[in-house]
């Protein structure tokens, strides 16, 4: 699934959500997380993704969770 970047999150079906069929696949490992910036809670941290390269695990990138401490 994908969503328009500028659209707010909605838990129901909307026109901003699209079903996307991927042709290429890649497996990633969640290897940890970063410390939250600005003293915010753990919910604002980013997950660190790794990808296997032979016997090694290399950093593939950082991913925001979309969660916040705001209620």
PDB file of N, CA and C in Angstrom:
ATOM      1  N   UNK A   1       0.846  -1.163   0.000  1.00  0.00           N
ATOM      2  CA  UNK A   1       0.000   0.000   0.000  1.00  0.00           C
ATOM      3  C   UNK A   1       0.897   1.234   0.000  1.00  0.00           C
ATOM      4  N   UNK A   2       0.424   2.268  -0.605  1.00  0.00           N
ATOM      5  CA  UNK A   2       1.134   3.546  -0.582  1.00  0.00           C
ATOM      6  C   UNK A   2       0.113   4.658  -0.384  1.00  0.00           C
ATOM      7  N   UNK A   3       0.613   5.803   0.055  1.00  0.00           N
ATOM      8  CA  UNK A   3      -0.253   6.938   0.350  1.00  0.00           C
ATOM      9  C   UNK A   3       0.407   8.201  -0.160  1.00  0.00           C
ATOM     10  N   UNK A   4      -0.412   9.142  -0.607  1.00  0.00           N
ATOM     11  CA  UNK A   4       0.134  10.441  -1.010  1.00  0.00           C
ATOM     12  C   UNK A   4       0.881  11.064   0.157  1.00  0.00           C
ATOM     13  N   UNK A   5       2.071  11.556  -0.084  1.00  0.00           N
ATOM     14  CA  UNK A   5       2.929  12.098   0.964  1.00  0.00           C
ATOM     15  C   UNK A   5       2.279  13.267   1.705  1.00  0.00           C
ATOM     16  N   UNK A   6       1.570  14.124   1.014  1.00  0.00           N
ATOM     17  CA  UNK A   6       1.005  15.323   1.635  1.00  0.00           C
ATOM     18  C   UNK A   6      -0.363  15.081   2.275  1.00  0.00           C
ATOM     19  N   UNK A   7      -0.858  13.856   2.218  1.00  0.00           N
ATOM     20  CA  UNK A   7      -2.189  13.541   2.763  1.00  0.00           C
ATOM     21  C   UNK A   7      -2.065  13.078   4.215  1.00  0.00           C
ATOM     22  N   UNK A   8      -3.008  13.473   5.069  1.00  0.00           N
ATOM     23  CA  UNK A   8      -2.977  13.005   6.455  1.00  0.00           C
ATOM     24  C   UNK A   8      -3.347  11.520   6.529  1.00  0.00           C
ATOM     25  N   UNK A   9      -2.921  10.860   7.596  1.00  0.00           N
ATOM     26  CA  UNK A   9      -3.258   9.449   7.788  1.00  0.00           C
ATOM     27  C   UNK A   9      -4.740   9.306   8.101  1.00  0.00           C
ATOM     28  N   UNK A  10      -5.380   8.349   7.465  1.00  0.00           N
ATOM     29  CA  UNK A  10      -6.759   7.985   7.769  1.00  0.00           C
ATOM     30  C   UNK A  10      -6.838   6.467   7.782  1.00  0.00           C
ATOM     31  N   UNK A  11      -7.523   5.898   8.762  1.00  0.00           N
ATOM     32  CA  UNK A  11      -7.560   4.444   8.905  1.00  0.00           C
ATOM     33  C   UNK A  11      -8.602   3.782   8.008  1.00  0.00           C
ATOM     34  N   UNK A  12      -9.361   4.559   7.285  1.00  0.00           N
ATOM     35  CA  UNK A  12     -10.360   3.988   6.379  1.00  0.00           C
ATOM     36  C   UNK A  12      -9.903   4.158   4.934  1.00  0.00           C
ATOM     37  N   UNK A  13     -10.609   3.524   4.007  1.00  0.00           N
ATOM     38  CA  UNK A  13     -10.258   3.657   2.594  1.00  0.00           C
ATOM     39  C   UNK A  13     -10.539   5.067   2.101  1.00  0.00           C
ATOM     40  N   UNK A  14      -9.551   5.658   1.469  1.00  0.00           N
ATOM     41  CA  UNK A  14      -9.711   6.975   0.856  1.00  0.00           C
ATOM     42  C   UNK A  14      -8.984   6.962  -0.483  1.00  0.00           C
ATOM     43  N   UNK A  15      -9.151   8.019  -1.250  1.00  0.00           N
ATOM     44  CA  UNK A  15      -8.475   8.103  -2.551  1.00  0.00           C
ATOM     45  C   UNK A  15      -6.985   8.382  -2.406  1.00  0.00           C
ATOM     46  N   UNK A  16      -6.514   8.714  -1.191  1.00  0.00           N
ATOM     47  CA  UNK A  16      -5.083   8.966  -0.997  1.00  0.00           C
ATOM     48  C   UNK A  16      -4.291   7.677  -0.825  1.00  0.00           C
ATOM     49  N   UNK A  17      -4.974   6.559  -0.535  1.00  0.00           N
ATOM     50  CA  UNK A  17      -4.328   5.255  -0.414  1.00  0.00           C
ATOM     51  C   UNK A  17      -4.443   4.506  -1.745  1.00  0.00           C
ATOM     52  N   UNK A  18      -3.359   3.875  -2.171  1.00  0.00           N
ATOM     53  CA  UNK A  18      -3.342   3.105  -3.422  1.00  0.00           C
ATOM     54  C   UNK A  18      -2.736   1.731  -3.180  1.00  0.00           C
ATOM     55  N   UNK A  19      -3.295   0.734  -3.835  1.00  0.00           N
ATOM     56  CA  UNK A  19      -2.709  -0.602  -3.806  1.00  0.00           C
ATOM     57  C   UNK A  19      -1.677  -0.660  -4.921  1.00  0.00           C
ATOM     58  N   UNK A  20      -0.442  -0.914  -4.559  1.00  0.00           N
ATOM     59  CA  UNK A  20       0.649  -0.924  -5.527  1.00  0.00           C
ATOM     60  C   UNK A  20       1.248  -2.326  -5.566  1.00  0.00           C
ATOM     61  N   UNK A  21       1.328  -2.874  -6.730  1.00  0.00           N
ATOM     62  CA  UNK A  21       1.913  -4.207  -6.876  1.00  0.00           C
ATOM     63  C   UNK A  21       3.379  -4.051  -7.277  1.00  0.00           C
ATOM     64  N   UNK A  22       4.249  -4.549  -6.422  1.00  0.00           N
ATOM     65  CA  UNK A  22       5.676  -4.448  -6.686  1.00  0.00           C
ATOM     66  C   UNK A  22       6.186  -5.607  -7.514  1.00  0.00           C
ATOM     67  N   UNK A  23       7.071  -5.344  -8.411  1.00  0.00           N
ATOM     68  CA  UNK A  23       7.665  -6.391  -9.238  1.00  0.00           C
ATOM     69  C   UNK A  23       8.979  -6.882  -8.642  1.00  0.00           C
ATOM     70  N   UNK A  24       9.688  -5.995  -7.981  1.00  0.00           N
ATOM     71  CA  UNK A  24      10.961  -6.365  -7.372  1.00  0.00           C
ATOM     72  C   UNK A  24      10.770  -6.437  -5.864  1.00  0.00           C
ATOM     73  N   UNK A  25      11.516  -7.307  -5.221  1.00  0.00           N
ATOM     74  CA  UNK A  25      11.399  -7.484  -3.778  1.00  0.00           C
ATOM     75  C   UNK A  25      12.768  -7.425  -3.132  1.00  0.00           C
ATOM     76  N   UNK A  26      12.777  -6.987  -1.888  1.00  0.00           N
ATOM     77  CA  UNK A  26      14.012  -6.953  -1.110  1.00  0.00           C
ATOM     78  C   UNK A  26      13.640  -7.170   0.349  1.00  0.00           C
ATOM     79  N   UNK A  27      14.357  -8.024   1.027  1.00  0.00           N
ATOM     80  CA  UNK A  27      14.121  -8.242   2.446  1.00  0.00           C
ATOM     81  C   UNK A  27      15.044  -7.352   3.249  1.00  0.00           C
ATOM     82  N   UNK A  28      14.502  -6.763   4.308  1.00  0.00           N
ATOM     83  CA  UNK A  28      15.271  -5.904   5.199  1.00  0.00           C
ATOM     84  C   UNK A  28      15.153  -6.423   6.617  1.00  0.00           C
ATOM     85  N   UNK A  29      16.126  -6.099   7.438  1.00  0.00           N
ATOM     86  CA  UNK A  29      16.154  -6.471   8.840  1.00  0.00           C
ATOM     87  C   UNK A  29      16.027  -5.192   9.657  1.00  0.00           C
ATOM     88  N   UNK A  30      15.133  -5.188  10.643  1.00  0.00           N
ATOM     89  CA  UNK A  30      15.083  -4.055  11.569  1.00  0.00           C
ATOM     90  C   UNK A  30      16.165  -4.306  12.597  1.00  0.00           C
ATOM     91  N   UNK A  31      17.204  -3.465  12.560  1.00  0.00           N
ATOM     92  CA  UNK A  31      18.382  -3.696  13.379  1.00  0.00           C
ATOM     93  C   UNK A  31      18.460  -2.862  14.632  1.00  0.00           C
ATOM     94  N   UNK A  32      17.578  -1.894  14.799  1.00  0.00           N
ATOM     95  CA  UNK A  32      17.632  -1.040  15.980  1.00  0.00           C
ATOM     96  C   UNK A  32      16.870   0.239  15.721  1.00  0.00           C
ATOM     97  N   UNK A  33      17.179   1.275  16.503  1.00  0.00           N
ATOM     98  CA  UNK A  33      16.519   2.572  16.337  1.00  0.00           C
ATOM     99  C   UNK A  33      17.462   3.675  16.767  1.00  0.00           C
ATOM    100  N   UNK A  34      17.145   4.886  16.351  1.00  0.00           N
ATOM    101  CA  UNK A  34      17.934   6.057  16.738  1.00  0.00           C
ATOM    102  C   UNK A  34      17.335   6.658  17.995  1.00  0.00           C
ATOM    103  N   UNK A  35      18.126   7.432  18.699  1.00  0.00           N
ATOM    104  CA  UNK A  35      17.591   8.183  19.833  1.00  0.00           C
ATOM    105  C   UNK A  35      16.662   9.260  19.298  1.00  0.00           C
ATOM    106  N   UNK A  36      15.560   9.518  19.987  1.00  0.00           N
ATOM    107  CA  UNK A  36      14.637  10.564  19.543  1.00  0.00           C
ATOM    108  C   UNK A  36      15.312  11.933  19.561  1.00  0.00           C
ATOM    109  N   UNK A  37      15.014  12.744  18.568  1.00  0.00           N
ATOM    110  CA  UNK A  37      15.575  14.093  18.506  1.00  0.00           C
ATOM    111  C   UNK A  37      14.759  15.024  19.381  1.00  0.00           C
ATOM    112  N   UNK A  38      15.410  16.003  19.972  1.00  0.00           N
ATOM    113  CA  UNK A  38      14.705  17.038  20.718  1.00  0.00           C
ATOM    114  C   UNK A  38      14.086  16.579  22.020  1.00  0.00           C
ATOM    115  N   UNK A  39      14.541  15.460  22.589  1.00  0.00           N
ATOM    116  CA  UNK A  39      14.039  15.017  23.878  1.00  0.00           C
ATOM    117  C   UNK A  39      12.639  14.438  23.842  1.00  0.00           C
ATOM    118  N   UNK A  40      12.146  14.130  22.652  1.00  0.00           N
ATOM    119  CA  UNK A  40      10.810  13.530  22.561  1.00  0.00           C
ATOM    120  C   UNK A  40      10.882  12.064  22.954  1.00  0.00           C
ATOM    121  N   UNK A  41       9.722  11.446  23.121  1.00  0.00           N
ATOM    122  CA  UNK A  41       9.656  10.048  23.555  1.00  0.00           C
ATOM    123  C   UNK A  41      10.122   9.080  22.490  1.00  0.00           C
ATOM    124  N   UNK A  42      10.245   7.833  22.855  1.00  0.00           N
ATOM    125  CA  UNK A  42      10.719   6.778  21.959  1.00  0.00           C
ATOM    126  C   UNK A  42       9.862   6.679  20.699  1.00  0.00           C
ATOM    127  N   UNK A  43       8.589   7.092  20.773  1.00  0.00           N
ATOM    128  CA  UNK A  43       7.689   6.989  19.625  1.00  0.00           C
ATOM    129  C   UNK A  43       8.161   7.804  18.433  1.00  0.00           C
ATOM    130  N   UNK A  44       9.001   8.802  18.645  1.00  0.00           N
ATOM    131  CA  UNK A  44       9.449   9.633  17.539  1.00  0.00           C
ATOM    132  C   UNK A  44      10.810   9.193  16.992  1.00  0.00           C
ATOM    133  N   UNK A  45      11.353   8.098  17.502  1.00  0.00           N
ATOM    134  CA  UNK A  45      12.631   7.583  17.008  1.00  0.00           C
ATOM    135  C   UNK A  45      12.459   6.971  15.622  1.00  0.00           C
ATOM    136  N   UNK A  46      13.569   6.755  14.934  1.00  0.00           N
ATOM    137  CA  UNK A  46      13.530   6.122  13.615  1.00  0.00           C
ATOM    138  C   UNK A  46      14.097   4.718  13.714  1.00  0.00           C
ATOM    139  N   UNK A  47      13.487   3.797  12.975  1.00  0.00           N
ATOM    140  CA  UNK A  47      13.998   2.429  12.904  1.00  0.00           C
ATOM    141  C   UNK A  47      15.169   2.388  11.934  1.00  0.00           C
ATOM    142  N   UNK A  48      16.164   1.562  12.245  1.00  0.00           N
ATOM    143  CA  UNK A  48      17.313   1.378  11.369  1.00  0.00           C
ATOM    144  C   UNK A  48      17.135   0.066  10.608  1.00  0.00           C
ATOM    145  N   UNK A  49      17.220   0.123   9.290  1.00  0.00           N
ATOM    146  CA  UNK A  49      17.044  -1.062   8.455  1.00  0.00           C
ATOM    147  C   UNK A  49      18.381  -1.523   7.906  1.00  0.00           C
ATOM    148  N   UNK A  50      18.554  -2.829   7.867  1.00  0.00           N
ATOM    149  CA  UNK A  50      19.758  -3.413   7.306  1.00  0.00           C
ATOM    150  C   UNK A  50      19.412  -4.355   6.174  1.00  0.00           C
ATOM    151  N   UNK A  51      20.397  -4.605   5.330  1.00  0.00           N
ATOM    152  CA  UNK A  51      20.231  -5.541   4.227  1.00  0.00           C
ATOM    153  C   UNK A  51      21.436  -6.484   4.230  1.00  0.00           C
ATOM    154  N   UNK A  52      21.174  -7.757   3.964  1.00  0.00           N
ATOM    155  CA  UNK A  52      22.261  -8.736   3.958  1.00  0.00           C
ATOM    156  C   UNK A  52      23.109  -8.587   2.696  1.00  0.00           C
ATOM    157  N   UNK A  53      24.416  -8.668   2.890  1.00  0.00           N
ATOM    158  CA  UNK A  53      25.381  -8.663   1.791  1.00  0.00           C
ATOM    159  C   UNK A  53      26.366  -9.789   2.085  1.00  0.00           C
ATOM    160  N   UNK A  54      26.031 -10.985   1.613  1.00  0.00           N
ATOM    161  CA  UNK A  54      26.829 -12.157   1.966  1.00  0.00           C
ATOM    162  C   UNK A  54      26.635 -12.467   3.437  1.00  0.00           C
ATOM    163  N   UNK A  55      27.743 -12.496   4.190  1.00  0.00           N
ATOM    164  CA  UNK A  55      27.677 -12.747   5.631  1.00  0.00           C
ATOM    165  C   UNK A  55      27.564 -11.462   6.437  1.00  0.00           C
ATOM    166  N   UNK A  56      27.553 -10.317   5.776  1.00  0.00           N
ATOM    167  CA  UNK A  56      27.494  -9.025   6.462  1.00  0.00           C
ATOM    168  C   UNK A  56      26.092  -8.439   6.427  1.00  0.00           C
ATOM    169  N   UNK A  57      25.829  -7.569   7.383  1.00  0.00           N
ATOM    170  CA  UNK A  57      24.587  -6.808   7.430  1.00  0.00           C
ATOM    171  C   UNK A  57      24.968  -5.342   7.274  1.00  0.00           C
ATOM    172  N   UNK A  58      24.473  -4.704   6.221  1.00  0.00           N
ATOM    173  CA  UNK A  58      24.828  -3.314   5.941  1.00  0.00           C
ATOM    174  C   UNK A  58      23.623  -2.410   6.130  1.00  0.00           C
ATOM    175  N   UNK A  59      23.884  -1.196   6.611  1.00  0.00           N
ATOM    176  CA  UNK A  59      22.819  -0.222   6.822  1.00  0.00           C
ATOM    177  C   UNK A  59      22.171   0.130   5.492  1.00  0.00           C
ATOM    178  N   UNK A  60      20.838  -0.011   5.442  1.00  0.00           N
ATOM    179  CA  UNK A  60      20.096   0.326   4.229  1.00  0.00           C
ATOM    180  C   UNK A  60      19.417   1.682   4.360  1.00  0.00           C
ATOM    181  N   UNK A  61      19.134   2.114   5.592  1.00  0.00           N
ATOM    182  CA  UNK A  61      18.511   3.415   5.777  1.00  0.00           C
ATOM    183  C   UNK A  61      17.771   3.511   7.092  1.00  0.00           C
ATOM    184  N   UNK A  62      17.181   4.684   7.301  1.00  0.00           N
ATOM    185  CA  UNK A  62      16.403   4.962   8.505  1.00  0.00           C
ATOM    186  C   UNK A  62      14.964   5.224   8.092  1.00  0.00           C
ATOM    187  N   UNK A  63      14.023   4.702   8.871  1.00  0.00           N
ATOM    188  CA  UNK A  63      12.613   4.814   8.521  1.00  0.00           C
ATOM    189  C   UNK A  63      11.847   5.407   9.696  1.00  0.00           C
ATOM    190  N   UNK A  64      11.101   6.471   9.429  1.00  0.00           N
ATOM    191  CA  UNK A  64      10.229   7.036  10.448  1.00  0.00           C
ATOM    192  C   UNK A  64       9.013   6.145  10.620  1.00  0.00           C
ATOM    193  N   UNK A  65       8.532   6.033  11.846  1.00  0.00           N
ATOM    194  CA  UNK A  65       7.410   5.141  12.122  1.00  0.00           C
ATOM    195  C   UNK A  65       6.071   5.787  11.818  1.00  0.00           C
ATOM    196  N   UNK A  66       6.008   7.122  11.829  1.00  0.00           N
ATOM    197  CA  UNK A  66       4.734   7.797  11.667  1.00  0.00           C
ATOM    198  C   UNK A  66       4.003   7.996  12.977  1.00  0.00           C
ATOM    199  N   UNK A  67       4.555   7.437  14.069  1.00  0.00           N
ATOM    200  CA  UNK A  67       3.947   7.614  15.377  1.00  0.00           C
ATOM    201  C   UNK A  67       4.510   8.861  16.049  1.00  0.00           C
ATOM    202  N   UNK A  68       3.736   9.434  16.927  1.00  0.00           N
ATOM    203  CA  UNK A  68       4.216  10.561  17.729  1.00  0.00           C
ATOM    204  C   UNK A  68       3.650  10.435  19.134  1.00  0.00           C
ATOM    205  N   UNK A  69       4.088  11.291  20.033  1.00  0.00           N
ATOM    206  CA  UNK A  69       3.588  11.295  21.399  1.00  0.00           C
ATOM    207  C   UNK A  69       2.298  12.094  21.516  1.00  0.00           C
ATOM    208  N   UNK A  70       1.909  12.788  20.446  1.00  0.00           N
ATOM    209  CA  UNK A  70       0.697  13.601  20.467  1.00  0.00           C
ATOM    210  C   UNK A  70      -0.532  12.705  20.567  1.00  0.00           C
ATOM    211  N   UNK A  71      -1.496  13.110  21.336  1.00  0.00           N
ATOM    212  CA  UNK A  71      -2.713  12.296  21.504  1.00  0.00           C
ATOM    213  C   UNK A  71      -3.876  12.927  20.832  1.00  0.00           C
TER     214      UNK A  71
END
